[in-house]
C-alpha atoms as a PDB file:
ATOM      1  CA  MET A   1     190.318 133.307 182.123  1.00  0.00           C
ATOM      2  CA  VAL A   2     192.556 136.191 181.293  1.00  0.00           C
ATOM      3  CA  ALA A   3     195.468 134.153 182.465  1.00  0.00           C
ATOM      4  CA  CYS A   4     194.415 131.154 180.229  1.00  0.00           C
ATOM      5  CA  ILE A   5     194.183 133.540 177.277  1.00  0.00           C
ATOM      6  CA  ALA A   6     197.838 134.712 178.078  1.00  0.00           C
ATOM      7  CA  MET A   7     199.184 131.107 178.290  1.00  0.00           C
ATOM      8  CA  VAL A   8     197.497 129.870 175.116  1.00  0.00           C
ATOM      9  CA  ALA A   9     198.376 133.108 173.128  1.00  0.00           C
ATOM     10  CA  GLY A  10     201.956 133.094 174.591  1.00  0.00           C
ATOM     11  CA  VAL A  11     201.663 136.847 175.659  1.00  0.00           C
ATOM     12  CA  ASP A  12     202.226 138.486 179.021  1.00  0.00           C
ATOM     13  CA  TYR A  13     199.177 138.738 181.355  1.00  0.00           C
ATOM     14  CA  THR A  14     199.093 142.555 180.914  1.00  0.00           C
ATOM     15  CA  VAL A  15     198.740 142.463 177.122  1.00  0.00           C
ATOM     16  CA  ALA A  16     195.937 139.721 177.494  1.00  0.00           C
ATOM     17  CA  ARG A  17     194.234 141.911 179.953  1.00  0.00           C
ATOM     18  CA  GLU A  18     194.484 144.841 177.756  1.00  0.00           C
ATOM     19  CA  ARG A  19     193.060 142.997 174.844  1.00  0.00           C
ATOM     20  CA  ALA A  20     190.201 141.527 176.929  1.00  0.00           C
ATOM     21  CA  ALA A  21     189.362 144.985 178.028  1.00  0.00           C
ATOM     22  CA  ALA A  22     189.297 146.154 174.216  1.00  0.00           C
ATOM     23  CA  VAL A  23     187.589 143.216 172.734  1.00  0.00           C
ATOM     24  CA  ALA A  24     185.397 141.788 175.538  1.00  0.00           C
ATOM     25  CA  ASN A  25     184.736 144.856 177.659  1.00  0.00           C
ATOM     26  CA  PHE A  26     186.728 143.212 180.574  1.00  0.00           C
ATOM     27  CA  ASP A  27     186.945 145.527 183.561  1.00  0.00           C
ATOM     28  CA  GLY A  28     188.208 142.991 186.192  1.00  0.00           C
ATOM     29  CA  SER A  29     184.833 142.944 188.000  1.00  0.00           C
ATOM     30  CA  GLU A  30     183.906 139.599 186.571  1.00  0.00           C
ATOM     31  CA  GLY A  31     185.688 136.962 184.436  1.00  0.00           C
ATOM     32  CA  VAL A  32     185.884 136.582 180.846  1.00  0.00           C
ATOM     33  CA  PHE A  33     183.263 134.011 179.587  1.00  0.00           C
ATOM     34  CA  LEU A  34     184.457 131.395 177.052  1.00  0.00           C
ATOM     35  CA  ASP A  35     182.522 132.823 174.103  1.00  0.00           C
ATOM     36  CA  LYS A  36     184.183 136.131 174.757  1.00  0.00           C
ATOM     37  CA  ALA A  37     187.585 134.574 175.285  1.00  0.00           C
ATOM     38  CA  LYS A  38     187.304 132.988 171.923  1.00  0.00           C
ATOM     39  CA  ASN A  39     187.114 136.602 170.401  1.00  0.00           C
ATOM     40  CA  VAL A  40     190.090 137.749 172.460  1.00  0.00           C
ATOM     41  CA  LEU A  41     192.213 134.780 171.358  1.00  0.00           C
ATOM     42  CA  GLY A  42     191.189 135.550 167.778  1.00  0.00           C
ATOM     43  CA  ASP A  43     192.396 139.164 168.255  1.00  0.00           C
ATOM     44  CA  LEU A  44     195.689 137.786 169.326  1.00  0.00           C
ATOM     45  CA  GLY A  45     196.006 135.501 166.311  1.00  0.00           C
ATOM     46  CA  VAL A  46     194.860 132.308 167.899  1.00  0.00           C
ATOM     47  CA  ARG A  47     192.029 130.389 166.362  1.00  0.00           C
ATOM     48  CA  ALA A  48     189.608 128.658 168.779  1.00  0.00           C
ATOM     49  CA  THR A  49     186.252 126.802 168.432  1.00  0.00           C
ATOM     50  CA  TYR A  50     183.669 127.429 171.275  1.00  0.00           C
ATOM     51  CA  HIS A  51     181.936 124.119 172.136  1.00  0.00           C
ATOM     52  CA  GLY A  52     178.744 125.034 173.971  1.00  0.00           C
ATOM     53  CA  TYR A  53     176.384 123.225 176.221  1.00  0.00           C
ATOM     54  CA  ARG A  54     175.458 120.650 173.636  1.00  0.00           C
ATOM     55  CA  VAL A  55     179.019 119.266 173.560  1.00  0.00           C
ATOM     56  CA  MET A  56     180.189 119.053 177.047  1.00  0.00           C
ATOM     57  CA  PRO A  57     183.027 116.843 178.092  1.00  0.00           C
ATOM     58  CA  THR A  58     182.344 114.271 180.816  1.00  0.00           C
ATOM     59  CA  ALA A  59     185.974 112.769 180.824  1.00  0.00           C
ATOM     60  CA  TRP A  60     189.318 114.245 180.005  1.00  0.00           C
ATOM     61  CA  SER A  61     189.508 111.929 177.036  1.00  0.00           C
ATOM     62  CA  ASP A  62     186.500 113.804 175.504  1.00  0.00           C
ATOM     63  CA  LEU A  63     188.736 116.976 175.122  1.00  0.00           C
ATOM     64  CA  PRO A  64     190.744 117.943 172.160  1.00  0.00           C
ATOM     65  CA  ASN A  65     194.677 118.167 172.536  1.00  0.00           C
ATOM     66  CA  THR A  66     194.525 121.718 173.545  1.00  0.00           C
ATOM     67  CA  ALA A  67     191.519 123.346 175.324  1.00  0.00           C
ATOM     68  CA  ILE A  68     190.483 125.923 177.859  1.00  0.00           C
ATOM     69  CA  VAL A  69     188.204 124.277 180.435  1.00  0.00           C
ATOM     70  CA  GLN A  70     186.430 124.893 183.570  1.00  0.00           C
ATOM     71  CA  VAL A  71     187.550 122.817 186.683  1.00  0.00           C
ATOM     72  CA  ASP A  72     186.287 122.769 190.126  1.00  0.00           C
ATOM     73  CA  GLY A  73     188.596 124.600 192.363  1.00  0.00           C
ATOM     74  CA  PRO A  74     189.554 123.520 195.886  1.00  0.00           C
ATOM     75  CA  ASP A  75     186.688 125.409 197.420  1.00  0.00           C
ATOM     76  CA  GLY A  76     184.232 124.038 194.737  1.00  0.00           C
ATOM     77  CA  THR A  77     184.222 127.358 192.689  1.00  0.00           C
ATOM     78  CA  PRO A  78     185.011 126.822 188.897  1.00  0.00           C
ATOM     79  CA  HIS A  79     187.973 128.405 187.370  1.00  0.00           C
ATOM     80  CA  GLY A  80     189.595 128.177 183.955  1.00  0.00           C
ATOM     81  CA  VAL A  81     192.741 126.119 183.119  1.00  0.00           C
ATOM     82  CA  VAL A  82     194.480 125.159 179.944  1.00  0.00           C
ATOM     83  CA  PHE A  83     194.330 121.278 179.322  1.00  0.00           C
ATOM     84  CA  ARG A  84     197.067 120.072 176.988  1.00  0.00           C
ATOM     85  CA  ARG A  85     197.685 116.577 175.625  1.00  0.00           C
ATOM     86  CA  LYS A  86     201.185 116.056 174.024  1.00  0.00           C
ATOM     87  CA  GLY A  87     203.001 112.762 173.270  1.00  0.00           C
ATOM     88  CA  GLY A  88     200.453 110.774 175.022  1.00  0.00           C
ATOM     89  CA  ARG A  89     200.606 112.780 178.209  1.00  0.00           C
ATOM     90  CA  GLU A  90     198.112 115.173 179.664  1.00  0.00           C
ATOM     91  CA  PHE A  91     198.970 118.418 181.487  1.00  0.00           C
ATOM     92  CA  ILE A  92     197.083 121.217 183.091  1.00  0.00           C
ATOM     93  CA  LEU A  93     198.304 124.747 182.971  1.00  0.00           C
ATOM     94  CA  ASP A  94     196.824 126.689 185.859  1.00  0.00           C
ATOM     95  CA  TRP A  95     197.890 130.293 186.798  1.00  0.00           C
ATOM     96  CA  ASN A  96     197.773 129.150 190.564  1.00  0.00           C
ATOM     97  CA  LYS A  97     200.763 126.856 189.847  1.00  0.00           C
ATOM     98  CA  GLN A  98     204.414 127.602 188.856  1.00  0.00           C
ATOM     99  CA  ASP A  99     204.573 125.020 186.008  1.00  0.00           C
ATOM    100  CA  ARG A 100     202.426 122.617 184.124  1.00  0.00           C
ATOM    101  CA  VAL A 101     201.123 119.806 186.176  1.00  0.00           C
ATOM    102  CA  PRO A 102     200.647 116.266 184.958  1.00  0.00           C
ATOM    103  CA  ARG A 103     196.819 115.763 184.955  1.00  0.00           C
ATOM    104  CA  GLU A 104     197.017 112.249 186.621  1.00  0.00           C
ATOM    105  CA  ALA A 105     199.048 113.593 189.389  1.00  0.00           C
ATOM    106  CA  ALA A 106     196.785 116.649 190.152  1.00  0.00           C
ATOM    107  CA  ASN A 107     193.470 116.645 191.743  1.00  0.00           C
ATOM    108  CA  TYR A 108     191.533 118.462 189.059  1.00  0.00           C
ATOM    109  CA  LYS A 109     187.866 117.581 188.154  1.00  0.00           C
ATOM    110  CA  LEU A 110     186.096 118.844 185.224  1.00  0.00           C
ATOM    111  CA  HIS A 111     183.317 121.317 186.166  1.00  0.00           C
ATOM    112  CA  ARG A 112     180.040 119.630 185.352  1.00  0.00           C
ATOM    113  CA  TYR A 113     177.986 121.184 182.539  1.00  0.00           C
ATOM    114  CA  SER A 114     180.610 123.342 181.269  1.00  0.00           C
ATOM    115  CA  PRO A 115     181.455 124.435 177.749  1.00  0.00           C
ATOM    116  CA  TYR A 116     185.013 124.678 176.631  1.00  0.00           C
ATOM    117  CA  LEU A 117     187.217 126.372 173.974  1.00  0.00           C
ATOM    118  CA  GLU A 118     189.092 124.064 171.547  1.00  0.00           C
ATOM    119  CA  ILE A 119     192.467 125.569 170.666  1.00  0.00           C
ATOM    120  CA  HIS A 120     193.819 125.210 167.144  1.00  0.00           C
ATOM    121  CA  LYS A 121     197.571 125.542 167.053  1.00  0.00           C
END
């Protein structure tokens, strides 16, 4: 999740990690949960809205134009990515990839029963 924070805030990973440690007590032993990621983003000047378990997306079309979401990784383990819709196209920004990936060309599946962060830019 720290990499997602860095991508959304437009800061270096090291800066995002330092702010996550200060704001969300991140120590590297566990990830940063979305509700805490919202606070870290706020500290970095990015406004976000936490959408909890009552408003869970079941399709990519349910998401706002920019969001941090959980997807199922190749091994079935969920991990965070940045979803971005721009000009009618949808992209995934994943720290595992070198560049943004067109969502329709990637094999990403939304993690079931997962909240998300709506990013207001």
